[in-house]
Amino acid sequence: MEARAIKRYTRSSPRKMRLVVDLIRGKSAQEALTILKFSDKHAAEAAELTLKSAINNLTQKDAGIDPESIVVKEAHVGQGPTMKRISAAPMGRAYRVRKRSHHLTIVVTTKQ
């Protein structure tokens, strides 16, 4: 049995979130939560909340699941919409500022 949680339109670059998500992919849920809790990356907070949500979704589906048997099956980050802003530049020019966002999907399952 598996469950998923999706966090959409998170205001940080997908590249930064991928660094965090690569740390937890394939690990047990308890180990992944520990890694995220002690990670110094800002993106780890959003990943931790999403992982907790996925774990709770799985336990809601089947109340008899042992929390030690939950594994992060899949975790991926997709590109969200980019807000385009303008920053003043010398000699009357303008630089484009791209404020990126991403969508985070985490799928958890039980060990077979």
PDB file of N, CA and C in Angstrom:
ATOM      1  N   MET A   1       0.848  -1.171   0.000  1.00  0.00           N
ATOM      2  CA  MET A   1       0.000   0.000   0.000  1.00  0.00           C
ATOM      3  C   MET A   1       0.896   1.237   0.000  1.00  0.00           C
ATOM      4  N   GLU A   2       0.468   2.265  -0.719  1.00  0.00           N
ATOM      5  CA  GLU A   2       1.259   3.481  -0.776  1.00  0.00           C
ATOM      6  C   GLU A   2       0.370   4.705  -0.691  1.00  0.00           C
ATOM      7  N   ALA A   3       0.982   5.823  -0.298  1.00  0.00           N
ATOM      8  CA  ALA A   3       0.279   7.102  -0.205  1.00  0.00           C
ATOM      9  C   ALA A   3       1.237   8.193  -0.627  1.00  0.00           C
ATOM     10  N   ARG A   4       0.671   9.332  -1.005  1.00  0.00           N
ATOM     11  CA  ARG A   4       1.521  10.428  -1.454  1.00  0.00           C
ATOM     12  C   ARG A   4       1.061  11.745  -0.876  1.00  0.00           C
ATOM     13  N   ALA A   5       1.977  12.710  -0.891  1.00  0.00           N
ATOM     14  CA  ALA A   5       1.677  14.075  -0.493  1.00  0.00           C
ATOM     15  C   ALA A   5       2.349  14.997  -1.501  1.00  0.00           C
ATOM     16  N   ILE A   6       1.640  16.053  -1.882  1.00  0.00           N
ATOM     17  CA  ILE A   6       2.150  17.004  -2.869  1.00  0.00           C
ATOM     18  C   ILE A   6       2.117  18.402  -2.266  1.00  0.00           C
ATOM     19  N   LYS A   7       3.224  19.093  -2.331  1.00  0.00           N
ATOM     20  CA  LYS A   7       3.280  20.498  -1.921  1.00  0.00           C
ATOM     21  C   LYS A   7       3.585  21.314  -3.162  1.00  0.00           C
ATOM     22  N   ARG A   8       2.651  22.182  -3.516  1.00  0.00           N
ATOM     23  CA  ARG A   8       2.764  22.925  -4.765  1.00  0.00           C
ATOM     24  C   ARG A   8       3.055  24.397  -4.510  1.00  0.00           C
ATOM     25  N   TYR A   9       3.658  25.037  -5.504  1.00  0.00           N
ATOM     26  CA  TYR A   9       3.932  26.475  -5.513  1.00  0.00           C
ATOM     27  C   TYR A   9       4.812  26.923  -4.344  1.00  0.00           C
ATOM     28  N   THR A  10       5.795  26.122  -3.994  1.00  0.00           N
ATOM     29  CA  THR A  10       6.719  26.491  -2.929  1.00  0.00           C
ATOM     30  C   THR A  10       7.726  27.495  -3.485  1.00  0.00           C
ATOM     31  N   ARG A  11       7.935  28.592  -2.760  1.00  0.00           N
ATOM     32  CA  ARG A  11       8.772  29.671  -3.261  1.00  0.00           C
ATOM     33  C   ARG A  11      10.255  29.431  -2.969  1.00  0.00           C
ATOM     34  N   SER A  12      10.841  28.487  -3.659  1.00  0.00           N
ATOM     35  CA  SER A  12      12.283  28.325  -3.680  1.00  0.00           C
ATOM     36  C   SER A  12      12.635  27.610  -4.970  1.00  0.00           C
ATOM     37  N   SER A  13      13.868  27.689  -5.322  1.00  0.00           N
ATOM     38  CA  SER A  13      14.309  27.126  -6.589  1.00  0.00           C
ATOM     39  C   SER A  13      14.231  25.594  -6.563  1.00  0.00           C
ATOM     40  N   PRO A  14      13.804  24.957  -7.665  1.00  0.00           N
ATOM     41  CA  PRO A  14      13.754  23.496  -7.691  1.00  0.00           C
ATOM     42  C   PRO A  14      15.144  22.877  -7.536  1.00  0.00           C
ATOM     43  N   ARG A  15      16.147  23.563  -7.997  1.00  0.00           N
ATOM     44  CA  ARG A  15      17.513  23.051  -7.891  1.00  0.00           C
ATOM     45  C   ARG A  15      17.937  22.899  -6.424  1.00  0.00           C
ATOM     46  N   LYS A  16      17.547  23.854  -5.596  1.00  0.00           N
ATOM     47  CA  LYS A  16      17.888  23.791  -4.174  1.00  0.00           C
ATOM     48  C   LYS A  16      17.117  22.674  -3.469  1.00  0.00           C
ATOM     49  N   MET A  17      15.857  22.479  -3.867  1.00  0.00           N
ATOM     50  CA  MET A  17      15.063  21.431  -3.238  1.00  0.00           C
ATOM     51  C   MET A  17      15.554  20.051  -3.654  1.00  0.00           C
ATOM     52  N   ARG A  18      16.032  19.900  -4.882  1.00  0.00           N
ATOM     53  CA  ARG A  18      16.530  18.597  -5.339  1.00  0.00           C
ATOM     54  C   ARG A  18      17.720  18.124  -4.511  1.00  0.00           C
ATOM     55  N   LEU A  19      18.548  19.064  -4.041  1.00  0.00           N
ATOM     56  CA  LEU A  19      19.674  18.699  -3.187  1.00  0.00           C
ATOM     57  C   LEU A  19      19.202  18.025  -1.901  1.00  0.00           C
ATOM     58  N   VAL A  20      18.088  18.502  -1.358  1.00  0.00           N
ATOM     59  CA  VAL A  20      17.535  17.949  -0.119  1.00  0.00           C
ATOM     60  C   VAL A  20      16.822  16.629  -0.390  1.00  0.00           C
ATOM     61  N   VAL A  21      16.039  16.573  -1.463  1.00  0.00           N
ATOM     62  CA  VAL A  21      15.236  15.385  -1.766  1.00  0.00           C
ATOM     63  C   VAL A  21      16.125  14.185  -2.099  1.00  0.00           C
ATOM     64  N   ASP A  22      17.275  14.445  -2.709  1.00  0.00           N
ATOM     65  CA  ASP A  22      18.195  13.347  -3.029  1.00  0.00           C
ATOM     66  C   ASP A  22      18.721  12.655  -1.781  1.00  0.00           C
ATOM     67  N   LEU A  23      18.719  13.351  -0.645  1.00  0.00           N
ATOM     68  CA  LEU A  23      19.211  12.763   0.603  1.00  0.00           C
ATOM     69  C   LEU A  23      18.255  11.721   1.169  1.00  0.00           C
ATOM     70  N   ILE A  24      16.951  11.859   0.898  1.00  0.00           N
ATOM     71  CA  ILE A  24      15.965  10.992   1.566  1.00  0.00           C
ATOM     72  C   ILE A  24      15.377   9.915   0.672  1.00  0.00           C
ATOM     73  N   ARG A  25      15.586   9.992  -0.613  1.00  0.00           N
ATOM     74  CA  ARG A  25      14.984   9.028  -1.529  1.00  0.00           C
ATOM     75  C   ARG A  25      15.475   7.619  -1.222  1.00  0.00           C
ATOM     76  N   GLY A  26      14.537   6.675  -1.003  1.00  0.00           N
ATOM     77  CA  GLY A  26      14.884   5.280  -0.757  1.00  0.00           C
ATOM     78  C   GLY A  26      15.157   4.939   0.692  1.00  0.00           C
ATOM     79  N   LYS A  27      15.139   5.907   1.580  1.00  0.00           N
ATOM     80  CA  LYS A  27      15.423   5.661   2.993  1.00  0.00           C
ATOM     81  C   LYS A  27      14.129   5.318   3.740  1.00  0.00           C
ATOM     82  N   SER A  28      14.272   4.801   4.960  1.00  0.00           N
ATOM     83  CA  SER A  28      13.091   4.579   5.788  1.00  0.00           C
ATOM     84  C   SER A  28      12.555   5.939   6.231  1.00  0.00           C
ATOM     85  N   ALA A  29      11.288   5.985   6.575  1.00  0.00           N
ATOM     86  CA  ALA A  29      10.646   7.259   6.894  1.00  0.00           C
ATOM     87  C   ALA A  29      11.258   7.896   8.133  1.00  0.00           C
ATOM     88  N   GLN A  30      11.542   7.099   9.160  1.00  0.00           N
ATOM     89  CA  GLN A  30      12.123   7.635  10.391  1.00  0.00           C
ATOM     90  C   GLN A  30      13.518   8.201  10.142  1.00  0.00           C
ATOM     91  N   GLU A  31      14.310   7.496   9.339  1.00  0.00           N
ATOM     92  CA  GLU A  31      15.651   7.971   9.007  1.00  0.00           C
ATOM     93  C   GLU A  31      15.580   9.254   8.176  1.00  0.00           C
ATOM     94  N   ALA A  32      14.630   9.309   7.243  1.00  0.00           N
ATOM     95  CA  ALA A  32      14.462  10.496   6.400  1.00  0.00           C
ATOM     96  C   ALA A  32      14.051  11.707   7.236  1.00  0.00           C
ATOM     97  N   LEU A  33      13.155  11.506   8.208  1.00  0.00           N
ATOM     98  CA  LEU A  33      12.748  12.613   9.078  1.00  0.00           C
ATOM     99  C   LEU A  33      13.921  13.128   9.902  1.00  0.00           C
ATOM    100  N   THR A  34      14.769  12.223  10.367  1.00  0.00           N
ATOM    101  CA  THR A  34      15.950  12.628  11.130  1.00  0.00           C
ATOM    102  C   THR A  34      16.914  13.425  10.259  1.00  0.00           C
ATOM    103  N   ILE A  35      17.126  12.971   9.031  1.00  0.00           N
ATOM    104  CA  ILE A  35      18.018  13.677   8.108  1.00  0.00           C
ATOM    105  C   ILE A  35      17.493  15.083   7.845  1.00  0.00           C
ATOM    106  N   LEU A  36      16.192  15.208   7.598  1.00  0.00           N
ATOM    107  CA  LEU A  36      15.612  16.510   7.295  1.00  0.00           C
ATOM    108  C   LEU A  36      15.618  17.438   8.508  1.00  0.00           C
ATOM    109  N   LYS A  37      15.399  16.869   9.671  1.00  0.00           N
ATOM    110  CA  LYS A  37      15.363  17.684  10.890  1.00  0.00           C
ATOM    111  C   LYS A  37      16.709  18.341  11.159  1.00  0.00           C
ATOM    112  N   PHE A  38      17.802  17.613  10.902  1.00  0.00           N
ATOM    113  CA  PHE A  38      19.127  18.134  11.213  1.00  0.00           C
ATOM    114  C   PHE A  38      19.850  18.709  10.000  1.00  0.00           C
ATOM    115  N   SER A  39      19.162  18.826   8.881  1.00  0.00           N
ATOM    116  CA  SER A  39      19.766  19.432   7.702  1.00  0.00           C
ATOM    117  C   SER A  39      19.776  20.952   7.873  1.00  0.00           C
ATOM    118  N   ASP A  40      20.853  21.599   7.430  1.00  0.00           N
ATOM    119  CA  ASP A  40      20.938  23.048   7.567  1.00  0.00           C
ATOM    120  C   ASP A  40      20.371  23.788   6.360  1.00  0.00           C
ATOM    121  N   LYS A  41      19.818  23.073   5.401  1.00  0.00           N
ATOM    122  CA  LYS A  41      19.209  23.697   4.224  1.00  0.00           C
ATOM    123  C   LYS A  41      17.819  24.232   4.572  1.00  0.00           C
ATOM    124  N   HIS A  42      17.475  25.390   4.036  1.00  0.00           N
ATOM    125  CA  HIS A  42      16.163  25.982   4.277  1.00  0.00           C
ATOM    126  C   HIS A  42      15.047  25.142   3.654  1.00  0.00           C
ATOM    127  N   ALA A  43      15.338  24.497   2.535  1.00  0.00           N
ATOM    128  CA  ALA A  43      14.332  23.697   1.830  1.00  0.00           C
ATOM    129  C   ALA A  43      13.951  22.445   2.611  1.00  0.00           C
ATOM    130  N   ALA A  44      14.750  22.051   3.588  1.00  0.00           N
ATOM    131  CA  ALA A  44      14.471  20.838   4.356  1.00  0.00           C
ATOM    132  C   ALA A  44      13.196  20.967   5.185  1.00  0.00           C
ATOM    133  N   GLU A  45      12.831  22.183   5.573  1.00  0.00           N
ATOM    134  CA  GLU A  45      11.621  22.380   6.369  1.00  0.00           C
ATOM    135  C   GLU A  45      10.372  22.003   5.566  1.00  0.00           C
ATOM    136  N   ALA A  46      10.308  22.466   4.328  1.00  0.00           N
ATOM    137  CA  ALA A  46       9.154  22.149   3.474  1.00  0.00           C
ATOM    138  C   ALA A  46       9.121  20.656   3.154  1.00  0.00           C
ATOM    139  N   ALA A  47      10.280  20.048   2.938  1.00  0.00           N
ATOM    140  CA  ALA A  47      10.338  18.620   2.645  1.00  0.00           C
ATOM    141  C   ALA A  47       9.909  17.804   3.855  1.00  0.00           C
ATOM    142  N   GLU A  48      10.275  18.258   5.053  1.00  0.00           N
ATOM    143  CA  GLU A  48       9.894  17.544   6.276  1.00  0.00           C
ATOM    144  C   GLU A  48       8.380  17.568   6.475  1.00  0.00           C
ATOM    145  N   LEU A  49       7.765  18.721   6.251  1.00  0.00           N
ATOM    146  CA  LEU A  49       6.306  18.820   6.392  1.00  0.00           C
ATOM    147  C   LEU A  49       5.589  17.938   5.377  1.00  0.00           C
ATOM    148  N   THR A  50       6.098  17.904   4.158  1.00  0.00           N
ATOM    149  CA  THR A  50       5.479  17.089   3.117  1.00  0.00           C
ATOM    150  C   THR A  50       5.638  15.603   3.424  1.00  0.00           C
ATOM    151  N   LEU A  51       6.803  15.207   3.932  1.00  0.00           N
ATOM    152  CA  LEU A  51       7.026  13.806   4.293  1.00  0.00           C
ATOM    153  C   LEU A  51       6.115  13.390   5.443  1.00  0.00           C
ATOM    154  N   LYS A  52       5.951  14.245   6.439  1.00  0.00           N
ATOM    155  CA  LYS A  52       5.042  13.941   7.549  1.00  0.00           C
ATOM    156  C   LYS A  52       3.612  13.781   7.044  1.00  0.00           C
ATOM    157  N   SER A  53       3.218  14.614   6.098  1.00  0.00           N
ATOM    158  CA  SER A  53       1.882  14.518   5.525  1.00  0.00           C
ATOM    159  C   SER A  53       1.693  13.200   4.786  1.00  0.00           C
ATOM    160  N   ALA A  54       2.707  12.778   4.025  1.00  0.00           N
ATOM    161  CA  ALA A  54       2.616  11.506   3.301  1.00  0.00           C
ATOM    162  C   ALA A  54       2.517  10.336   4.270  1.00  0.00           C
ATOM    163  N   ILE A  55       3.276  10.385   5.358  1.00  0.00           N
ATOM    164  CA  ILE A  55       3.230   9.313   6.364  1.00  0.00           C
ATOM    165  C   ILE A  55       1.847   9.268   7.003  1.00  0.00           C
ATOM    166  N   ASN A  56       1.297  10.431   7.328  1.00  0.00           N
ATOM    167  CA  ASN A  56      -0.045  10.471   7.924  1.00  0.00           C
ATOM    168  C   ASN A  56      -1.107   9.988   6.943  1.00  0.00           C
ATOM    169  N   ASN A  57      -0.946  10.305   5.661  1.00  0.00           N
ATOM    170  CA  ASN A  57      -1.891   9.811   4.657  1.00  0.00           C
ATOM    171  C   ASN A  57      -1.883   8.294   4.611  1.00  0.00           C
ATOM    172  N   LEU A  58      -0.695   7.693   4.733  1.00  0.00           N
ATOM    173  CA  LEU A  58      -0.589   6.231   4.696  1.00  0.00           C
ATOM    174  C   LEU A  58      -1.200   5.606   5.943  1.00  0.00           C
ATOM    175  N   THR A  59      -0.970   6.201   7.102  1.00  0.00           N
ATOM    176  CA  THR A  59      -1.535   5.635   8.326  1.00  0.00           C
ATOM    177  C   THR A  59      -3.047   5.816   8.387  1.00  0.00           C
ATOM    178  N   GLN A  60      -3.578   6.832   7.709  1.00  0.00           N
ATOM    179  CA  GLN A  60      -5.030   6.999   7.640  1.00  0.00           C
ATOM    180  C   GLN A  60      -5.673   5.923   6.768  1.00  0.00           C
ATOM    181  N   LYS A  61      -4.954   5.515   5.715  1.00  0.00           N
ATOM    182  CA  LYS A  61      -5.482   4.463   4.840  1.00  0.00           C
ATOM    183  C   LYS A  61      -5.544   3.125   5.556  1.00  0.00           C
ATOM    184  N   ASP A  62      -4.484   2.810   6.297  1.00  0.00           N
ATOM    185  CA  ASP A  62      -4.412   1.531   6.998  1.00  0.00           C
ATOM    186  C   ASP A  62      -3.877   1.784   8.402  1.00  0.00           C
ATOM    187  N   ALA A  63      -4.766   1.698   9.401  1.00  0.00           N
ATOM    188  CA  ALA A  63      -4.400   2.054  10.770  1.00  0.00           C
ATOM    189  C   ALA A  63      -3.435   1.050  11.403  1.00  0.00           C
ATOM    190  N   GLY A  64      -3.333  -0.156  10.863  1.00  0.00           N
ATOM    191  CA  GLY A  64      -2.494  -1.178  11.471  1.00  0.00           C
ATOM    192  C   GLY A  64      -1.053  -1.181  10.987  1.00  0.00           C
ATOM    193  N   ILE A  65      -0.615  -0.124  10.333  1.00  0.00           N
ATOM    194  CA  ILE A  65       0.742  -0.078   9.787  1.00  0.00           C
ATOM    195  C   ILE A  65       1.738   0.238  10.884  1.00  0.00           C
ATOM    196  N   ASP A  66       2.847  -0.499  10.893  1.00  0.00           N
ATOM    197  CA  ASP A  66       3.936  -0.228  11.810  1.00  0.00           C
ATOM    198  C   ASP A  66       4.748   0.945  11.260  1.00  0.00           C
ATOM    199  N   PRO A  67       4.966   2.007  12.044  1.00  0.00           N
ATOM    200  CA  PRO A  67       5.707   3.170  11.537  1.00  0.00           C
ATOM    201  C   PRO A  67       7.143   2.847  11.118  1.00  0.00           C
ATOM    202  N   GLU A  68       7.713   1.785  11.643  1.00  0.00           N
ATOM    203  CA  GLU A  68       9.079   1.406  11.294  1.00  0.00           C
ATOM    204  C   GLU A  68       9.160   0.791   9.891  1.00  0.00           C
ATOM    205  N   SER A  69       8.028   0.356   9.351  1.00  0.00           N
ATOM    206  CA  SER A  69       8.049  -0.321   8.054  1.00  0.00           C
ATOM    207  C   SER A  69       7.774   0.625   6.874  1.00  0.00           C
ATOM    208  N   ILE A  70       7.663   1.917   7.145  1.00  0.00           N
ATOM    209  CA  ILE A  70       7.364   2.879   6.079  1.00  0.00           C
ATOM    210  C   ILE A  70       8.664   3.329   5.412  1.00  0.00           C
ATOM    211  N   VAL A  71       8.656   3.341   4.068  1.00  0.00           N
ATOM    212  CA  VAL A  71       9.834   3.687   3.273  1.00  0.00           C
ATOM    213  C   VAL A  71       9.457   4.781   2.267  1.00  0.00           C
ATOM    214  N   VAL A  72      10.391   5.701   2.002  1.00  0.00           N
ATOM    215  CA  VAL A  72      10.196   6.724   0.974  1.00  0.00           C
ATOM    216  C   VAL A  72      10.456   6.061  -0.375  1.00  0.00           C
ATOM    217  N   LYS A  73       9.386   5.763  -1.101  1.00  0.00           N
ATOM    218  CA  LYS A  73       9.510   5.057  -2.374  1.00  0.00           C
ATOM    219  C   LYS A  73       9.961   5.998  -3.487  1.00  0.00           C
ATOM    220  N   GLU A  74       9.388   7.185  -3.498  1.00  0.00           N
ATOM    221  CA  GLU A  74       9.613   8.107  -4.608  1.00  0.00           C
ATOM    222  C   GLU A  74       9.560   9.527  -4.061  1.00  0.00           C
ATOM    223  N   ALA A  75      10.454  10.369  -4.538  1.00  0.00           N
ATOM    224  CA  ALA A  75      10.443  11.782  -4.171  1.00  0.00           C
ATOM    225  C   ALA A  75      11.001  12.562  -5.349  1.00  0.00           C
ATOM    226  N   HIS A  76      10.202  13.449  -5.895  1.00  0.00           N
ATOM    227  CA  HIS A  76      10.695  14.239  -7.013  1.00  0.00           C
ATOM    228  C   HIS A  76      10.187  15.673  -6.947  1.00  0.00           C
ATOM    229  N   VAL A  77      10.934  16.536  -7.627  1.00  0.00           N
ATOM    230  CA  VAL A  77      10.652  17.965  -7.623  1.00  0.00           C
ATOM    231  C   VAL A  77      10.427  18.407  -9.058  1.00  0.00           C
ATOM    232  N   GLY A  78       9.338  19.104  -9.289  1.00  0.00           N
ATOM    233  CA  GLY A  78       9.033  19.618 -10.619  1.00  0.00           C
ATOM    234  C   GLY A  78       9.078  21.138 -10.633  1.00  0.00           C
ATOM    235  N   GLN A  79       9.300  21.685 -11.794  1.00  0.00           N
ATOM    236  CA  GLN A  79       9.365  23.137 -11.962  1.00  0.00           C
ATOM    237  C   GLN A  79       7.972  23.730 -11.816  1.00  0.00           C
ATOM    238  N   GLY A  80       7.850  24.773 -11.015  1.00  0.00           N
ATOM    239  CA  GLY A  80       6.603  25.510 -10.877  1.00  0.00           C
ATOM    240  C   GLY A  80       6.653  26.773 -11.717  1.00  0.00           C
ATOM    241  N   PRO A  81       5.669  27.621 -11.589  1.00  0.00           N
ATOM    242  CA  PRO A  81       5.683  28.867 -12.350  1.00  0.00           C
ATOM    243  C   PRO A  81       6.781  29.806 -11.865  1.00  0.00           C
ATOM    244  N   THR A  82       7.295  30.607 -12.783  1.00  0.00           N
ATOM    245  CA  THR A  82       8.338  31.572 -12.466  1.00  0.00           C
ATOM    246  C   THR A  82       7.755  32.976 -12.531  1.00  0.00           C
ATOM    247  N   MET A  83       7.922  33.740 -11.451  1.00  0.00           N
ATOM    248  CA  MET A  83       7.489  35.136 -11.448  1.00  0.00           C
ATOM    249  C   MET A  83       8.616  35.970 -12.034  1.00  0.00           C
ATOM    250  N   LYS A  84       8.287  36.809 -12.983  1.00  0.00           N
ATOM    251  CA  LYS A  84       9.304  37.633 -13.629  1.00  0.00           C
ATOM    252  C   LYS A  84       9.187  39.058 -13.099  1.00  0.00           C
ATOM    253  N   ARG A  85      10.295  39.549 -12.567  1.00  0.00           N
ATOM    254  CA  ARG A  85      10.349  40.895 -12.002  1.00  0.00           C
ATOM    255  C   ARG A  85      11.474  41.666 -12.682  1.00  0.00           C
ATOM    256  N   ILE A  86      11.492  42.966 -12.476  1.00  0.00           N
ATOM    257  CA  ILE A  86      12.511  43.810 -13.088  1.00  0.00           C
ATOM    258  C   ILE A  86      13.289  44.523 -11.981  1.00  0.00           C
ATOM    259  N   SER A  87      14.615  44.537 -12.131  1.00  0.00           N
ATOM    260  CA  SER A  87      15.497  45.239 -11.218  1.00  0.00           C
ATOM    261  C   SER A  87      16.173  46.373 -11.983  1.00  0.00           C
ATOM    262  N   ALA A  88      16.255  47.519 -11.343  1.00  0.00           N
ATOM    263  CA  ALA A  88      16.884  48.665 -11.995  1.00  0.00           C
ATOM    264  C   ALA A  88      18.362  48.392 -12.231  1.00  0.00           C
ATOM    265  N   ALA A  89      18.868  48.851 -13.381  1.00  0.00           N
ATOM    266  CA  ALA A  89      20.253  48.638 -13.766  1.00  0.00           C
ATOM    267  C   ALA A  89      20.843  49.977 -14.215  1.00  0.00           C
ATOM    268  N   PRO A  90      22.154  50.040 -14.357  1.00  0.00           N
ATOM    269  CA  PRO A  90      22.774  51.314 -14.747  1.00  0.00           C
ATOM    270  C   PRO A  90      22.354  51.788 -16.138  1.00  0.00           C
ATOM    271  N   MET A  91      22.444  53.087 -16.346  1.00  0.00           N
ATOM    272  CA  MET A  91      22.190  53.739 -17.637  1.00  0.00           C
ATOM    273  C   MET A  91      20.776  53.491 -18.150  1.00  0.00           C
ATOM    274  N   GLY A  92      19.790  53.444 -17.259  1.00  0.00           N
ATOM    275  CA  GLY A  92      18.397  53.322 -17.659  1.00  0.00           C
ATOM    276  C   GLY A  92      17.976  51.941 -18.107  1.00  0.00           C
ATOM    277  N   ARG A  93      18.826  50.967 -17.917  1.00  0.00           N
ATOM    278  CA  ARG A  93      18.473  49.601 -18.308  1.00  0.00           C
ATOM    279  C   ARG A  93      17.715  48.897 -17.185  1.00  0.00           C
ATOM    280  N   ALA A  94      17.267  47.681 -17.498  1.00  0.00           N
ATOM    281  CA  ALA A  94      16.575  46.873 -16.498  1.00  0.00           C
ATOM    282  C   ALA A  94      17.063  45.432 -16.613  1.00  0.00           C
ATOM    283  N   TYR A  95      17.323  44.832 -15.475  1.00  0.00           N
ATOM    284  CA  TYR A  95      17.692  43.411 -15.433  1.00  0.00           C
ATOM    285  C   TYR A  95      16.457  42.611 -15.055  1.00  0.00           C
ATOM    286  N   ARG A  96      16.345  41.426 -15.620  1.00  0.00           N
ATOM    287  CA  ARG A  96      15.220  40.561 -15.299  1.00  0.00           C
ATOM    288  C   ARG A  96      15.576  39.690 -14.092  1.00  0.00           C
ATOM    289  N   VAL A  97      14.676  39.633 -13.138  1.00  0.00           N
ATOM    290  CA  VAL A  97      14.832  38.789 -11.951  1.00  0.00           C
ATOM    291  C   VAL A  97      13.793  37.690 -12.043  1.00  0.00           C
ATOM    292  N   ARG A  98      14.234  36.432 -11.978  1.00  0.00           N
ATOM    293  CA  ARG A  98      13.312  35.296 -12.041  1.00  0.00           C
ATOM    294  C   ARG A  98      13.151  34.708 -10.644  1.00  0.00           C
ATOM    295  N   LYS A  99      11.939  34.745 -10.127  1.00  0.00           N
ATOM    296  CA  LYS A  99      11.647  34.161  -8.813  1.00  0.00           C
ATOM    297  C   LYS A  99      10.987  32.820  -9.070  1.00  0.00           C
ATOM    298  N   ARG A 100      11.749  31.778  -8.881  1.00  0.00           N
ATOM    299  CA  ARG A 100      11.301  30.433  -9.252  1.00  0.00           C
ATOM    300  C   ARG A 100      10.490  29.784  -8.136  1.00  0.00           C
ATOM    301  N   SER A 101       9.685  28.801  -8.518  1.00  0.00           N
ATOM    302  CA  SER A 101       8.946  27.998  -7.552  1.00  0.00           C
ATOM    303  C   SER A 101       8.978  26.548  -8.019  1.00  0.00           C
ATOM    304  N   HIS A 102       8.533  25.646  -7.139  1.00  0.00           N
ATOM    305  CA  HIS A 102       8.569  24.228  -7.488  1.00  0.00           C
ATOM    306  C   HIS A 102       7.393  23.495  -6.861  1.00  0.00           C
ATOM    307  N   HIS A 103       7.179  22.280  -7.337  1.00  0.00           N
ATOM    308  CA  HIS A 103       6.175  21.367  -6.802  1.00  0.00           C
ATOM    309  C   HIS A 103       6.922  20.140  -6.287  1.00  0.00           C
ATOM    310  N   LEU A 104       6.674  19.767  -5.038  1.00  0.00           N
ATOM    311  CA  LEU A 104       7.338  18.624  -4.415  1.00  0.00           C
ATOM    312  C   LEU A 104       6.335  17.492  -4.233  1.00  0.00           C
ATOM    313  N   THR A 105       6.707  16.287  -4.676  1.00  0.00           N
ATOM    314  CA  THR A 105       5.865  15.100  -4.528  1.00  0.00           C
ATOM    315  C   THR A 105       6.654  14.023  -3.804  1.00  0.00           C
ATOM    316  N   ILE A 106       6.080  13.485  -2.726  1.00  0.00           N
ATOM    317  CA  ILE A 106       6.716  12.404  -1.970  1.00  0.00           C
ATOM    318  C   ILE A 106       5.722  11.251  -1.879  1.00  0.00           C
ATOM    319  N   VAL A 107       6.181  10.050  -2.262  1.00  0.00           N
ATOM    320  CA  VAL A 107       5.370   8.837  -2.195  1.00  0.00           C
ATOM    321  C   VAL A 107       6.014   7.890  -1.189  1.00  0.00           C
ATOM    322  N   VAL A 108       5.217   7.428  -0.229  1.00  0.00           N
ATOM    323  CA  VAL A 108       5.712   6.474   0.764  1.00  0.00           C
ATOM    324  C   VAL A 108       4.956   5.161   0.627  1.00  0.00           C
ATOM    325  N   THR A 109       5.608   4.090   1.016  1.00  0.00           N
ATOM    326  CA  THR A 109       5.002   2.766   0.949  1.00  0.00           C
ATOM    327  C   THR A 109       5.507   1.921   2.116  1.00  0.00           C
ATOM    328  N   THR A 110       4.920   0.742   2.284  1.00  0.00           N
ATOM    329  CA  THR A 110       5.382  -0.152   3.341  1.00  0.00           C
ATOM    330  C   THR A 110       6.371  -1.152   2.748  1.00  0.00           C
ATOM    331  N   LYS A 111       7.270  -1.631   3.600  1.00  0.00           N
ATOM    332  CA  LYS A 111       8.230  -2.651   3.139  1.00  0.00           C
ATOM    333  C   LYS A 111       7.485  -3.948   2.818  1.00  0.00           C
ATOM    334  N   GLN A 112       7.946  -4.637   1.787  1.00  0.00           N
ATOM    335  CA  GLN A 112       7.312  -5.897   1.410  1.00  0.00           C
ATOM    336  C   GLN A 112       7.923  -7.053   2.173  1.00  0.00           C
TER     337      GLN A 112
END
